[in-house]
């Protein structure tokens, strides 16, 4: 896929300084630019590379004026970083502009779908599924019975969506993720065995949610597991049955959230965090990586550690912990004296 400098400038509302017909077909860092690549200069630390880069086209701020000879064609914009990000988004949209139903694939009875559906080969769509417009479902994906999917969603290869799941508009689900599998519910018996408790609820995912690869979101025992609008989940995250995650909360990789816990809006949860079940985490909470959350947290709390406590207190305590061998040695000397 090739673009000229003039085409890119048109997308970014920028000005071409150099050859408007210069063509690019790949992206690069400015220090690693090669012929045919597009790059950008936003950080002044990298300004020297503008004079040596072999990139064909470089996006720069309007204020940039070269002090030496350059070979790259410039596109001047108000904010080079934002414009490059916008271009990446545009490129991604173009790359994902697929449509049509590949074979072999299975579409069961009662399925309805909007225009511009892309259904990759070896996909299965169950009975009475409703799919909105401009949805892209990549190969080897499974959509169970009675699932509803909103507009402009993308499911990458190997996604599994179990029955009764509801997914809103503009959601992205990455490869290997499973949504709607049974919650971890087993009743202990007198003889030491366990009997499975039927999980008859579902999962609801609201608009503008993105879920990383190989994550799992369990269906509710009763009612719904709910991921509210704007939530961003990283790779390899476990969300148990009947959990609710509030709007615009971000969760980093390898975090596990146990059943029936309610998490508020605009929370930031670091990687490898463990959260017990049946607690409430307020709005705007920040949890540092590898923390263990064993009790409810109020709005705006910032915590670290396992069990987690106030971040400032943790930092002070850690200073003493690092010095513990010396403190013990001093204590032993005092005992001898």
C-alpha atoms as a PDB file:
ATOM      1  CA  UNK A   1       0.000   0.000   0.000  1.00  0.00           C
ATOM      2  CA  UNK A   2       1.663   3.219  -1.193  1.00  0.00           C
ATOM      3  CA  UNK A   3       0.893   6.844  -0.359  1.00  0.00           C
ATOM      4  CA  UNK A   4       2.364  10.053  -1.773  1.00  0.00           C
ATOM      5  CA  UNK A   5       3.475  12.985   0.346  1.00  0.00           C
ATOM      6  CA  UNK A   6       0.610  15.014  -1.136  1.00  0.00           C
ATOM      7  CA  UNK A   7      -1.955  12.378  -0.107  1.00  0.00           C
ATOM      8  CA  UNK A   8      -0.578  12.247   3.431  1.00  0.00           C
ATOM      9  CA  UNK A   9      -0.555  16.034   3.682  1.00  0.00           C
ATOM     10  CA  UNK A  10      -4.194  16.031   2.611  1.00  0.00           C
ATOM     11  CA  UNK A  11      -5.123  13.613   5.389  1.00  0.00           C
ATOM     12  CA  UNK A  12      -3.195  15.634   7.986  1.00  0.00           C
ATOM     13  CA  UNK A  13      -4.067  19.086   6.621  1.00  0.00           C
ATOM     14  CA  UNK A  14      -0.344  19.773   6.329  1.00  0.00           C
ATOM     15  CA  UNK A  15       2.009  21.520   3.924  1.00  0.00           C
ATOM     16  CA  UNK A  16       4.495  19.656   1.713  1.00  0.00           C
ATOM     17  CA  UNK A  17       8.028  21.040   1.547  1.00  0.00           C
ATOM     18  CA  UNK A  18       9.861  19.052  -1.098  1.00  0.00           C
ATOM     19  CA  UNK A  19       8.555  16.495  -3.579  1.00  0.00           C
ATOM     20  CA  UNK A  20       4.752  16.092  -3.317  1.00  0.00           C
ATOM     21  CA  UNK A  21       4.966  12.913  -5.435  1.00  0.00           C
ATOM     22  CA  UNK A  22       7.418  11.164  -3.101  1.00  0.00           C
ATOM     23  CA  UNK A  23       5.989   7.722  -2.301  1.00  0.00           C
ATOM     24  CA  UNK A  24       6.127   5.796   0.951  1.00  0.00           C
ATOM     25  CA  UNK A  25       4.961   2.286   1.779  1.00  0.00           C
ATOM     26  CA  UNK A  26       6.257   1.683   5.329  1.00  0.00           C
ATOM     27  CA  UNK A  27       6.867   3.436   8.643  1.00  0.00           C
ATOM     28  CA  UNK A  28      10.135   3.859  10.534  1.00  0.00           C
ATOM     29  CA  UNK A  29      11.877   5.604  13.409  1.00  0.00           C
ATOM     30  CA  UNK A  30      13.681   8.721  12.235  1.00  0.00           C
ATOM     31  CA  UNK A  31      17.093   7.262  13.133  1.00  0.00           C
ATOM     32  CA  UNK A  32      16.293   4.062  11.211  1.00  0.00           C
ATOM     33  CA  UNK A  33      14.652   5.642   8.177  1.00  0.00           C
ATOM     34  CA  UNK A  34      15.189   4.017   4.788  1.00  0.00           C
ATOM     35  CA  UNK A  35      14.055   4.805   1.271  1.00  0.00           C
ATOM     36  CA  UNK A  36      10.299   4.454   0.947  1.00  0.00           C
ATOM     37  CA  UNK A  37       9.620   4.993   4.656  1.00  0.00           C
ATOM     38  CA  UNK A  38       7.619   7.643   6.495  1.00  0.00           C
ATOM     39  CA  UNK A  39       8.764   8.986   9.855  1.00  0.00           C
ATOM     40  CA  UNK A  40       8.216  11.979  12.153  1.00  0.00           C
ATOM     41  CA  UNK A  41      10.198  14.445  14.261  1.00  0.00           C
ATOM     42  CA  UNK A  42       8.530  15.654  17.460  1.00  0.00           C
ATOM     43  CA  UNK A  43      11.185  15.374  20.171  1.00  0.00           C
ATOM     44  CA  UNK A  44      14.000  17.982  19.889  1.00  0.00           C
ATOM     45  CA  UNK A  45      16.463  15.328  21.129  1.00  0.00           C
ATOM     46  CA  UNK A  46      16.216  13.665  17.712  1.00  0.00           C
ATOM     47  CA  UNK A  47      16.638  16.791  15.590  1.00  0.00           C
ATOM     48  CA  UNK A  48      20.121  15.783  14.368  1.00  0.00           C
ATOM     49  CA  UNK A  49      18.644  12.712  12.671  1.00  0.00           C
ATOM     50  CA  UNK A  50      16.608  14.905  10.310  1.00  0.00           C
ATOM     51  CA  UNK A  51      19.840  15.676   8.444  1.00  0.00           C
ATOM     52  CA  UNK A  52      20.971  12.066   8.089  1.00  0.00           C
ATOM     53  CA  UNK A  53      17.733  10.083   7.848  1.00  0.00           C
ATOM     54  CA  UNK A  54      17.117   8.165   4.653  1.00  0.00           C
ATOM     55  CA  UNK A  55      13.356   8.292   5.168  1.00  0.00           C
ATOM     56  CA  UNK A  56      11.548   9.522   2.079  1.00  0.00           C
ATOM     57  CA  UNK A  57       9.004  11.646   3.978  1.00  0.00           C
ATOM     58  CA  UNK A  58       9.177  13.180   7.475  1.00  0.00           C
ATOM     59  CA  UNK A  59       6.354  14.823   9.417  1.00  0.00           C
ATOM     60  CA  UNK A  60       7.560  17.883  11.375  1.00  0.00           C
ATOM     61  CA  UNK A  61       6.094  20.776  13.350  1.00  0.00           C
ATOM     62  CA  UNK A  62       5.267  24.011  11.521  1.00  0.00           C
ATOM     63  CA  UNK A  63       7.989  25.762  13.471  1.00  0.00           C
ATOM     64  CA  UNK A  64      10.798  23.552  12.166  1.00  0.00           C
ATOM     65  CA  UNK A  65      13.297  25.214   9.835  1.00  0.00           C
ATOM     66  CA  UNK A  66      16.300  23.137   8.680  1.00  0.00           C
ATOM     67  CA  UNK A  67      19.726  24.564   9.398  1.00  0.00           C
ATOM     68  CA  UNK A  68      21.496  22.152   7.044  1.00  0.00           C
ATOM     69  CA  UNK A  69      20.725  20.438   3.771  1.00  0.00           C
ATOM     70  CA  UNK A  70      18.140  17.644   4.010  1.00  0.00           C
ATOM     71  CA  UNK A  71      17.093  14.970   1.526  1.00  0.00           C
ATOM     72  CA  UNK A  72      13.762  13.953   3.070  1.00  0.00           C
ATOM     73  CA  UNK A  73      10.510  15.568   1.960  1.00  0.00           C
ATOM     74  CA  UNK A  74       8.828  17.415   4.835  1.00  0.00           C
ATOM     75  CA  UNK A  75       5.164  17.593   5.750  1.00  0.00           C
ATOM     76  CA  UNK A  76       4.641  20.502   8.133  1.00  0.00           C
ATOM     77  CA  UNK A  77       1.771  20.242  10.604  1.00  0.00           C
ATOM     78  CA  UNK A  78       0.707  21.914  13.834  1.00  0.00           C
ATOM     79  CA  UNK A  79       1.679  18.943  16.035  1.00  0.00           C
ATOM     80  CA  UNK A  80       3.875  16.236  14.496  1.00  0.00           C
ATOM     81  CA  UNK A  81       3.262  13.672  17.237  1.00  0.00           C
ATOM     82  CA  UNK A  82      -0.527  13.983  17.130  1.00  0.00           C
ATOM     83  CA  UNK A  83      -0.508  13.968  13.347  1.00  0.00           C
ATOM     84  CA  UNK A  84       1.609  10.811  13.207  1.00  0.00           C
ATOM     85  CA  UNK A  85      -0.794   9.152  15.653  1.00  0.00           C
ATOM     86  CA  UNK A  86      -3.720  10.213  13.474  1.00  0.00           C
ATOM     87  CA  UNK A  87      -1.977   8.747  10.446  1.00  0.00           C
ATOM     88  CA  UNK A  88      -1.399   5.436  12.255  1.00  0.00           C
ATOM     89  CA  UNK A  89      -5.098   5.290  13.084  1.00  0.00           C
ATOM     90  CA  UNK A  90      -6.010   6.029   9.463  1.00  0.00           C
ATOM     91  CA  UNK A  91      -3.577   3.379   8.207  1.00  0.00           C
ATOM     92  CA  UNK A  92      -5.031   0.841  10.595  1.00  0.00           C
ATOM     93  CA  UNK A  93      -8.545   1.599   9.360  1.00  0.00           C
ATOM     94  CA  UNK A  94      -7.477   1.150   5.748  1.00  0.00           C
ATOM     95  CA  UNK A  95      -5.708  -2.100   6.593  1.00  0.00           C
ATOM     96  CA  UNK A  96      -8.848  -3.451   8.261  1.00  0.00           C
ATOM     97  CA  UNK A  97     -11.199  -2.474   5.422  1.00  0.00           C
ATOM     98  CA  UNK A  98     -12.186  -6.027   4.552  1.00  0.00           C
ATOM     99  CA  UNK A  99     -15.637  -7.236   3.629  1.00  0.00           C
ATOM    100  CA  UNK A 100     -17.295 -10.391   2.419  1.00  0.00           C
ATOM    101  CA  UNK A 101     -17.815 -13.897   3.738  1.00  0.00           C
ATOM    102  CA  UNK A 102     -14.949 -16.299   3.155  1.00  0.00           C
ATOM    103  CA  UNK A 103     -15.412 -20.035   2.786  1.00  0.00           C
ATOM    104  CA  UNK A 104     -15.531 -22.387   4.504  1.00  0.00           C
ATOM    105  CA  UNK A 105     -17.593 -20.733   7.230  1.00  0.00           C
ATOM    106  CA  UNK A 106     -20.919 -21.465   8.914  1.00  0.00           C
ATOM    107  CA  UNK A 107     -23.787 -19.016   9.395  1.00  0.00           C
ATOM    108  CA  UNK A 108     -26.657 -20.632  11.291  1.00  0.00           C
ATOM    109  CA  UNK A 109     -30.377 -19.969  10.902  1.00  0.00           C
ATOM    110  CA  UNK A 110     -31.832 -16.728  12.179  1.00  0.00           C
ATOM    111  CA  UNK A 111     -28.601 -14.717  11.858  1.00  0.00           C
ATOM    112  CA  UNK A 112     -28.885 -11.079  10.780  1.00  0.00           C
ATOM    113  CA  UNK A 113     -25.982  -8.788   9.932  1.00  0.00           C
ATOM    114  CA  UNK A 114     -25.435  -5.265   8.621  1.00  0.00           C
ATOM    115  CA  UNK A 115     -23.533  -4.076   5.553  1.00  0.00           C
ATOM    116  CA  UNK A 116     -19.752  -4.467   5.132  1.00  0.00           C
ATOM    117  CA  UNK A 117     -19.478  -7.594   7.254  1.00  0.00           C
ATOM    118  CA  UNK A 118     -16.161  -9.415   7.011  1.00  0.00           C
ATOM    119  CA  UNK A 119     -16.314 -13.038   8.140  1.00  0.00           C
ATOM    120  CA  UNK A 120     -13.032 -14.886   7.763  1.00  0.00           C
ATOM    121  CA  UNK A 121     -12.658 -18.506   6.769  1.00  0.00           C
ATOM    122  CA  UNK A 122     -13.382 -21.262   9.306  1.00  0.00           C
ATOM    123  CA  UNK A 123     -15.669 -19.043  11.390  1.00  0.00           C
ATOM    124  CA  UNK A 124     -18.846 -20.322  13.053  1.00  0.00           C
ATOM    125  CA  UNK A 125     -21.828 -18.062  13.787  1.00  0.00           C
ATOM    126  CA  UNK A 126     -24.561 -19.622  15.935  1.00  0.00           C
ATOM    127  CA  UNK A 127     -28.337 -19.306  15.802  1.00  0.00           C
ATOM    128  CA  UNK A 128     -30.152 -15.970  16.110  1.00  0.00           C
ATOM    129  CA  UNK A 129     -26.984 -13.912  16.264  1.00  0.00           C
ATOM    130  CA  UNK A 130     -27.408 -10.191  15.508  1.00  0.00           C
ATOM    131  CA  UNK A 131     -24.387  -8.401  14.014  1.00  0.00           C
ATOM    132  CA  UNK A 132     -24.270  -4.657  13.288  1.00  0.00           C
ATOM    133  CA  UNK A 133     -22.712  -2.843  10.361  1.00  0.00           C
ATOM    134  CA  UNK A 134     -19.019  -2.787   9.435  1.00  0.00           C
ATOM    135  CA  UNK A 135     -18.078  -5.668  11.751  1.00  0.00           C
ATOM    136  CA  UNK A 136     -14.845  -7.575  11.050  1.00  0.00           C
ATOM    137  CA  UNK A 137     -14.539 -11.144  12.357  1.00  0.00           C
ATOM    138  CA  UNK A 138     -11.222 -12.734  11.475  1.00  0.00           C
ATOM    139  CA  UNK A 139     -10.665 -16.455  10.704  1.00  0.00           C
ATOM    140  CA  UNK A 140     -11.151 -19.311  13.172  1.00  0.00           C
ATOM    141  CA  UNK A 141     -13.531 -17.360  15.403  1.00  0.00           C
ATOM    142  CA  UNK A 142     -16.613 -18.709  17.183  1.00  0.00           C
ATOM    143  CA  UNK A 143     -19.807 -16.750  17.879  1.00  0.00           C
ATOM    144  CA  UNK A 144     -22.336 -18.648  20.009  1.00  0.00           C
ATOM    145  CA  UNK A 145     -26.127 -18.621  19.860  1.00  0.00           C
ATOM    146  CA  UNK A 146     -28.112 -15.452  20.648  1.00  0.00           C
ATOM    147  CA  UNK A 147     -25.063 -13.177  20.719  1.00  0.00           C
ATOM    148  CA  UNK A 148     -25.554  -9.508  19.813  1.00  0.00           C
ATOM    149  CA  UNK A 149     -22.713  -7.438  18.345  1.00  0.00           C
ATOM    150  CA  UNK A 150     -22.921  -3.685  17.695  1.00  0.00           C
ATOM    151  CA  UNK A 151     -21.497  -1.610  14.846  1.00  0.00           C
ATOM    152  CA  UNK A 152     -17.823  -1.164  13.913  1.00  0.00           C
ATOM    153  CA  UNK A 153     -16.448  -4.023  16.011  1.00  0.00           C
ATOM    154  CA  UNK A 154     -13.283  -5.983  15.229  1.00  0.00           C
ATOM    155  CA  UNK A 155     -12.680  -9.534  16.453  1.00  0.00           C
ATOM    156  CA  UNK A 156      -9.231 -10.822  15.552  1.00  0.00           C
ATOM    157  CA  UNK A 157      -8.435 -14.441  14.714  1.00  0.00           C
ATOM    158  CA  UNK A 158      -9.412 -17.126  17.187  1.00  0.00           C
ATOM    159  CA  UNK A 159     -11.818 -15.127  19.360  1.00  0.00           C
ATOM    160  CA  UNK A 160     -14.480 -17.180  21.170  1.00  0.00           C
ATOM    161  CA  UNK A 161     -17.769 -15.521  22.128  1.00  0.00           C
ATOM    162  CA  UNK A 162     -20.093 -17.818  24.096  1.00  0.00           C
ATOM    163  CA  UNK A 163     -23.904 -17.715  23.868  1.00  0.00           C
ATOM    164  CA  UNK A 164     -26.039 -14.816  25.146  1.00  0.00           C
ATOM    165  CA  UNK A 165     -23.129 -12.335  25.208  1.00  0.00           C
ATOM    166  CA  UNK A 166     -23.973  -8.697  24.408  1.00  0.00           C
ATOM    167  CA  UNK A 167     -21.291  -6.516  22.832  1.00  0.00           C
ATOM    168  CA  UNK A 168     -21.717  -2.805  22.098  1.00  0.00           C
ATOM    169  CA  UNK A 169     -20.379  -0.557  19.339  1.00  0.00           C
ATOM    170  CA  UNK A 170     -16.759   0.083  18.385  1.00  0.00           C
ATOM    171  CA  UNK A 171     -15.264  -2.758  20.421  1.00  0.00           C
ATOM    172  CA  UNK A 172     -11.958  -4.500  19.651  1.00  0.00           C
ATOM    173  CA  UNK A 173     -11.246  -8.028  20.873  1.00  0.00           C
ATOM    174  CA  UNK A 174      -7.823  -9.509  20.206  1.00  0.00           C
ATOM    175  CA  UNK A 175      -6.842 -13.053  19.305  1.00  0.00           C
ATOM    176  CA  UNK A 176      -7.360 -15.911  21.723  1.00  0.00           C
ATOM    177  CA  UNK A 177      -9.735 -14.078  24.047  1.00  0.00           C
ATOM    178  CA  UNK A 178     -12.729 -15.987  25.413  1.00  0.00           C
ATOM    179  CA  UNK A 179     -15.860 -14.173  26.529  1.00  0.00           C
ATOM    180  CA  UNK A 180     -18.764 -15.843  28.304  1.00  0.00           C
ATOM    181  CA  UNK A 181     -17.209 -19.097  29.482  1.00  0.00           C
ATOM    182  CA  UNK A 182     -18.556 -20.533  32.739  1.00  0.00           C
ATOM    183  CA  UNK A 183     -17.768 -18.835  36.011  1.00  0.00           C
ATOM    184  CA  UNK A 184     -15.796 -20.823  38.592  1.00  0.00           C
ATOM    185  CA  UNK A 185     -18.722 -22.105  40.631  1.00  0.00           C
ATOM    186  CA  UNK A 186     -18.615 -25.429  42.490  1.00  0.00           C
ATOM    187  CA  UNK A 187     -20.470 -26.533  45.630  1.00  0.00           C
ATOM    188  CA  UNK A 188     -18.473 -28.699  48.104  1.00  0.00           C
ATOM    189  CA  UNK A 189     -20.110 -31.996  49.111  1.00  0.00           C
ATOM    190  CA  UNK A 190     -19.863 -33.977  52.348  1.00  0.00           C
ATOM    191  CA  UNK A 191     -17.720 -36.640  50.681  1.00  0.00           C
ATOM    192  CA  UNK A 192     -15.130 -34.024  49.625  1.00  0.00           C
ATOM    193  CA  UNK A 193     -16.202 -33.820  45.992  1.00  0.00           C
ATOM    194  CA  UNK A 194     -17.550 -30.742  44.209  1.00  0.00           C
ATOM    195  CA  UNK A 195     -20.755 -30.325  42.207  1.00  0.00           C
ATOM    196  CA  UNK A 196     -20.815 -27.740  39.432  1.00  0.00           C
ATOM    197  CA  UNK A 197     -23.178 -24.793  39.956  1.00  0.00           C
ATOM    198  CA  UNK A 198     -24.826 -23.959  36.606  1.00  0.00           C
ATOM    199  CA  UNK A 199     -23.728 -20.587  35.235  1.00  0.00           C
ATOM    200  CA  UNK A 200     -26.803 -19.228  33.488  1.00  0.00           C
ATOM    201  CA  UNK A 201     -26.017 -15.499  33.314  1.00  0.00           C
ATOM    202  CA  UNK A 202     -24.186 -13.687  30.537  1.00  0.00           C
ATOM    203  CA  UNK A 203     -21.536 -11.068  29.762  1.00  0.00           C
ATOM    204  CA  UNK A 204     -22.348  -7.490  28.724  1.00  0.00           C
ATOM    205  CA  UNK A 205     -19.627  -5.409  27.081  1.00  0.00           C
ATOM    206  CA  UNK A 206     -20.562  -1.791  26.451  1.00  0.00           C
ATOM    207  CA  UNK A 207     -19.284   0.615  23.754  1.00  0.00           C
ATOM    208  CA  UNK A 208     -15.640   1.500  23.017  1.00  0.00           C
ATOM    209  CA  UNK A 209     -14.104  -1.390  24.949  1.00  0.00           C
ATOM    210  CA  UNK A 210     -10.809  -2.989  23.917  1.00  0.00           C
ATOM    211  CA  UNK A 211      -9.723  -6.388  25.243  1.00  0.00           C
ATOM    212  CA  UNK A 212      -6.219  -7.754  24.701  1.00  0.00           C
ATOM    213  CA  UNK A 213      -5.134 -11.219  23.615  1.00  0.00           C
ATOM    214  CA  UNK A 214      -5.782 -14.384  25.622  1.00  0.00           C
ATOM    215  CA  UNK A 215      -7.987 -12.750  28.243  1.00  0.00           C
ATOM    216  CA  UNK A 216     -11.032 -14.459  29.752  1.00  0.00           C
ATOM    217  CA  UNK A 217     -14.280 -12.913  30.936  1.00  0.00           C
ATOM    218  CA  UNK A 218     -16.628 -15.359  32.659  1.00  0.00           C
ATOM    219  CA  UNK A 219     -20.395 -15.331  32.386  1.00  0.00           C
ATOM    220  CA  UNK A 220     -22.376 -14.556  35.526  1.00  0.00           C
ATOM    221  CA  UNK A 221     -23.901 -17.260  37.692  1.00  0.00           C
ATOM    222  CA  UNK A 222     -27.100 -15.178  37.599  1.00  0.00           C
ATOM    223  CA  UNK A 223     -27.437 -11.738  36.013  1.00  0.00           C
ATOM    224  CA  UNK A 224     -24.477 -10.317  34.108  1.00  0.00           C
ATOM    225  CA  UNK A 225     -20.754  -9.781  34.201  1.00  0.00           C
ATOM    226  CA  UNK A 226     -20.467  -6.164  32.992  1.00  0.00           C
ATOM    227  CA  UNK A 227     -17.599  -4.344  31.300  1.00  0.00           C
ATOM    228  CA  UNK A 228     -18.720  -0.722  30.993  1.00  0.00           C
ATOM    229  CA  UNK A 229     -17.985   1.713  28.185  1.00  0.00           C
ATOM    230  CA  UNK A 230     -14.439   2.865  27.531  1.00  0.00           C
ATOM    231  CA  UNK A 231     -12.750   0.081  29.526  1.00  0.00           C
ATOM    232  CA  UNK A 232      -9.337  -1.060  28.256  1.00  0.00           C
ATOM    233  CA  UNK A 233      -8.122  -4.519  29.251  1.00  0.00           C
ATOM    234  CA  UNK A 234      -4.583  -5.721  28.506  1.00  0.00           C
ATOM    235  CA  UNK A 235      -3.511  -9.257  27.555  1.00  0.00           C
ATOM    236  CA  UNK A 236      -3.955 -12.313  29.797  1.00  0.00           C
ATOM    237  CA  UNK A 237      -6.504 -10.885  32.223  1.00  0.00           C
ATOM    238  CA  UNK A 238      -9.027 -12.982  34.162  1.00  0.00           C
ATOM    239  CA  UNK A 239     -12.395 -11.401  34.966  1.00  0.00           C
ATOM    240  CA  UNK A 240     -14.556 -13.746  37.038  1.00  0.00           C
ATOM    241  CA  UNK A 241     -18.340 -14.182  37.165  1.00  0.00           C
ATOM    242  CA  UNK A 242     -20.545 -11.237  38.155  1.00  0.00           C
ATOM    243  CA  UNK A 243     -17.661  -8.739  38.181  1.00  0.00           C
ATOM    244  CA  UNK A 244     -18.434  -5.156  37.136  1.00  0.00           C
ATOM    245  CA  UNK A 245     -15.714  -2.863  35.773  1.00  0.00           C
ATOM    246  CA  UNK A 246     -16.632   0.832  35.620  1.00  0.00           C
ATOM    247  CA  UNK A 247     -16.277   3.279  32.753  1.00  0.00           C
ATOM    248  CA  UNK A 248     -12.832   4.163  31.389  1.00  0.00           C
ATOM    249  CA  UNK A 249     -10.986   1.897  33.805  1.00  0.00           C
ATOM    250  CA  UNK A 250      -7.665   0.511  32.534  1.00  0.00           C
ATOM    251  CA  UNK A 251      -6.290  -2.871  33.649  1.00  0.00           C
ATOM    252  CA  UNK A 252      -2.752  -4.081  32.810  1.00  0.00           C
ATOM    253  CA  UNK A 253      -1.689  -7.618  31.948  1.00  0.00           C
ATOM    254  CA  UNK A 254      -1.959 -10.736  34.129  1.00  0.00           C
ATOM    255  CA  UNK A 255      -4.399  -9.188  36.583  1.00  0.00           C
ATOM    256  CA  UNK A 256      -7.031 -11.474  38.117  1.00  0.00           C
ATOM    257  CA  UNK A 257     -10.360 -10.197  39.463  1.00  0.00           C
ATOM    258  CA  UNK A 258     -12.372 -12.656  41.562  1.00  0.00           C
ATOM    259  CA  UNK A 259     -16.144 -13.049  41.441  1.00  0.00           C
ATOM    260  CA  UNK A 260     -18.738 -10.376  42.263  1.00  0.00           C
ATOM    261  CA  UNK A 261     -16.208  -7.568  42.805  1.00  0.00           C
ATOM    262  CA  UNK A 262     -17.313  -4.112  41.671  1.00  0.00           C
ATOM    263  CA  UNK A 263     -14.671  -1.722  40.305  1.00  0.00           C
ATOM    264  CA  UNK A 264     -15.450   1.976  39.817  1.00  0.00           C
ATOM    265  CA  UNK A 265     -14.855   4.427  36.988  1.00  0.00           C
ATOM    266  CA  UNK A 266     -11.484   5.786  35.842  1.00  0.00           C
ATOM    267  CA  UNK A 267      -9.358   3.352  37.840  1.00  0.00           C
ATOM    268  CA  UNK A 268      -5.775   2.452  36.896  1.00  0.00           C
ATOM    269  CA  UNK A 269      -4.805  -1.126  37.791  1.00  0.00           C
ATOM    270  CA  UNK A 270      -1.227  -2.284  37.230  1.00  0.00           C
ATOM    271  CA  UNK A 271       0.013  -5.636  35.996  1.00  0.00           C
ATOM    272  CA  UNK A 272      -0.172  -8.864  38.004  1.00  0.00           C
ATOM    273  CA  UNK A 273      -2.637  -7.427  40.511  1.00  0.00           C
ATOM    274  CA  UNK A 274      -4.793  -9.926  42.415  1.00  0.00           C
ATOM    275  CA  UNK A 275      -8.222  -8.761  43.604  1.00  0.00           C
ATOM    276  CA  UNK A 276     -10.376 -10.904  45.908  1.00  0.00           C
ATOM    277  CA  UNK A 277     -14.085 -11.395  45.356  1.00  0.00           C
ATOM    278  CA  UNK A 278     -17.115  -9.636  46.797  1.00  0.00           C
ATOM    279  CA  UNK A 279     -15.445  -6.266  47.462  1.00  0.00           C
ATOM    280  CA  UNK A 280     -15.966  -2.757  46.094  1.00  0.00           C
ATOM    281  CA  UNK A 281     -13.255  -0.546  44.606  1.00  0.00           C
ATOM    282  CA  UNK A 282     -14.193   3.122  44.304  1.00  0.00           C
ATOM    283  CA  UNK A 283     -13.756   5.605  41.469  1.00  0.00           C
ATOM    284  CA  UNK A 284     -10.322   6.923  40.487  1.00  0.00           C
ATOM    285  CA  UNK A 285      -8.401   4.267  42.434  1.00  0.00           C
ATOM    286  CA  UNK A 286      -4.784   3.544  41.459  1.00  0.00           C
ATOM    287  CA  UNK A 287      -3.322   0.109  42.227  1.00  0.00           C
ATOM    288  CA  UNK A 288       0.392  -0.425  41.693  1.00  0.00           C
ATOM    289  CA  UNK A 289       1.684  -3.554  39.929  1.00  0.00           C
ATOM    290  CA  UNK A 290       1.811  -6.901  41.802  1.00  0.00           C
ATOM    291  CA  UNK A 291      -0.442  -5.671  44.580  1.00  0.00           C
ATOM    292  CA  UNK A 292      -2.870  -7.937  46.411  1.00  0.00           C
ATOM    293  CA  UNK A 293      -6.237  -6.351  47.152  1.00  0.00           C
ATOM    294  CA  UNK A 294      -8.031  -8.082  49.997  1.00  0.00           C
ATOM    295  CA  UNK A 295     -10.517  -5.422  51.103  1.00  0.00           C
ATOM    296  CA  UNK A 296     -12.677  -2.666  49.644  1.00  0.00           C
ATOM    297  CA  UNK A 297     -11.053   0.633  48.616  1.00  0.00           C
ATOM    298  CA  UNK A 298     -12.588   4.098  48.702  1.00  0.00           C
ATOM    299  CA  UNK A 299     -12.593   6.715  45.942  1.00  0.00           C
ATOM    300  CA  UNK A 300      -9.187   8.036  44.916  1.00  0.00           C
ATOM    301  CA  UNK A 301      -7.056   5.654  47.003  1.00  0.00           C
ATOM    302  CA  UNK A 302      -3.544   4.858  45.752  1.00  0.00           C
ATOM    303  CA  UNK A 303      -2.207   1.537  47.072  1.00  0.00           C
ATOM    304  CA  UNK A 304       0.691  -0.881  46.712  1.00  0.00           C
ATOM    305  CA  UNK A 305       1.883  -4.108  48.291  1.00  0.00           C
ATOM    306  CA  UNK A 306       0.401  -7.455  49.216  1.00  0.00           C
ATOM    307  CA  UNK A 307      -1.716  -7.022  51.192  1.00  0.00           C
ATOM    308  CA  UNK A 308      -1.944  -3.547  49.687  1.00  0.00           C
ATOM    309  CA  UNK A 309      -1.927  -0.354  51.715  1.00  0.00           C
ATOM    310  CA  UNK A 310      -1.391   3.369  51.122  1.00  0.00           C
ATOM    311  CA  UNK A 311       1.262   3.956  48.466  1.00  0.00           C
ATOM    312  CA  UNK A 312       3.108   6.658  50.462  1.00  0.00           C
ATOM    313  CA  UNK A 313       3.270   4.446  53.547  1.00  0.00           C
ATOM    314  CA  UNK A 314       4.469   1.548  51.391  1.00  0.00           C
ATOM    315  CA  UNK A 315       7.314   3.630  49.948  1.00  0.00           C
ATOM    316  CA  UNK A 316       8.426   4.702  53.433  1.00  0.00           C
ATOM    317  CA  UNK A 317       8.197   1.136  54.744  1.00  0.00           C
ATOM    318  CA  UNK A 318      10.210  -0.221  51.841  1.00  0.00           C
ATOM    319  CA  UNK A 319      13.142   2.019  52.783  1.00  0.00           C
ATOM    320  CA  UNK A 320      13.275   0.271  56.169  1.00  0.00           C
ATOM    321  CA  UNK A 321      12.799  -3.143  54.584  1.00  0.00           C
ATOM    322  CA  UNK A 322      15.833  -2.632  52.334  1.00  0.00           C
ATOM    323  CA  UNK A 323      17.879  -1.721  55.412  1.00  0.00           C
ATOM    324  CA  UNK A 324      16.592  -4.670  57.449  1.00  0.00           C
ATOM    325  CA  UNK A 325      19.892  -6.698  57.436  1.00  0.00           C
ATOM    326  CA  UNK A 326      21.795  -3.679  58.769  1.00  0.00           C
ATOM    327  CA  UNK A 327      19.099  -2.968  61.358  1.00  0.00           C
ATOM    328  CA  UNK A 328      19.228  -6.596  62.567  1.00  0.00           C
ATOM    329  CA  UNK A 329      23.036  -6.491  62.725  1.00  0.00           C
ATOM    330  CA  UNK A 330      22.893  -3.264  64.764  1.00  0.00           C
ATOM    331  CA  UNK A 331      20.321  -4.853  67.045  1.00  0.00           C
ATOM    332  CA  UNK A 332      22.525  -7.921  67.602  1.00  0.00           C
ATOM    333  CA  UNK A 333      25.486  -5.680  68.436  1.00  0.00           C
ATOM    334  CA  UNK A 334      23.365  -3.805  70.960  1.00  0.00           C
ATOM    335  CA  UNK A 335      22.344  -7.125  72.559  1.00  0.00           C
ATOM    336  CA  UNK A 336      25.981  -8.154  72.909  1.00  0.00           C
ATOM    337  CA  UNK A 337      26.863  -4.813  74.467  1.00  0.00           C
END
